Amino acid sequence: MTTNVPAEAEISYELYLQLAEELSLPVEENIPLDMRYELYLSKIVYLKNLLGQCFRSVNTPDSVNRFTVDDFSYIQRSFNITKEFLRECILLSVKEKIERASVLYKTNTPSPGKDANG
């Protein structure tokens, strides 16, 4: 017995319409950086799946979905915007780690002319 398991979950057009306004918006700034990173990654996966489904829908003559070329363009823009938000999140994380390492280095480095024992 074989079962047909879809490679990705189908997203209803109605759900897409409910979420459409938020697809290109950033995640709230007051959320911890590691959580924002995870949310952006999840959003990227969702948008990539939605983009594939929309592409198939637009290019299938008898499609039951109602995705349009305009939907495809909007989802693609949202995907690119979200990738930029993810990039900014990564850069902010790197900057914070460098600043923390710099502070640690400065506090653990002896002043000129003094040895490590004081």
Foldseek 3Di string as FASTA:
>chain_A
DDDDDDPDDDDAPVVCVVCLVVLQPQDDPVDDLVVSLVVLVVSLVVLVVVLVNLVVQQPDPPHPGDRHVVNNVSSVVSNVSSVVSNVVSVVVVVVVVVVVVVVVCVVQDDDPPDDNVD
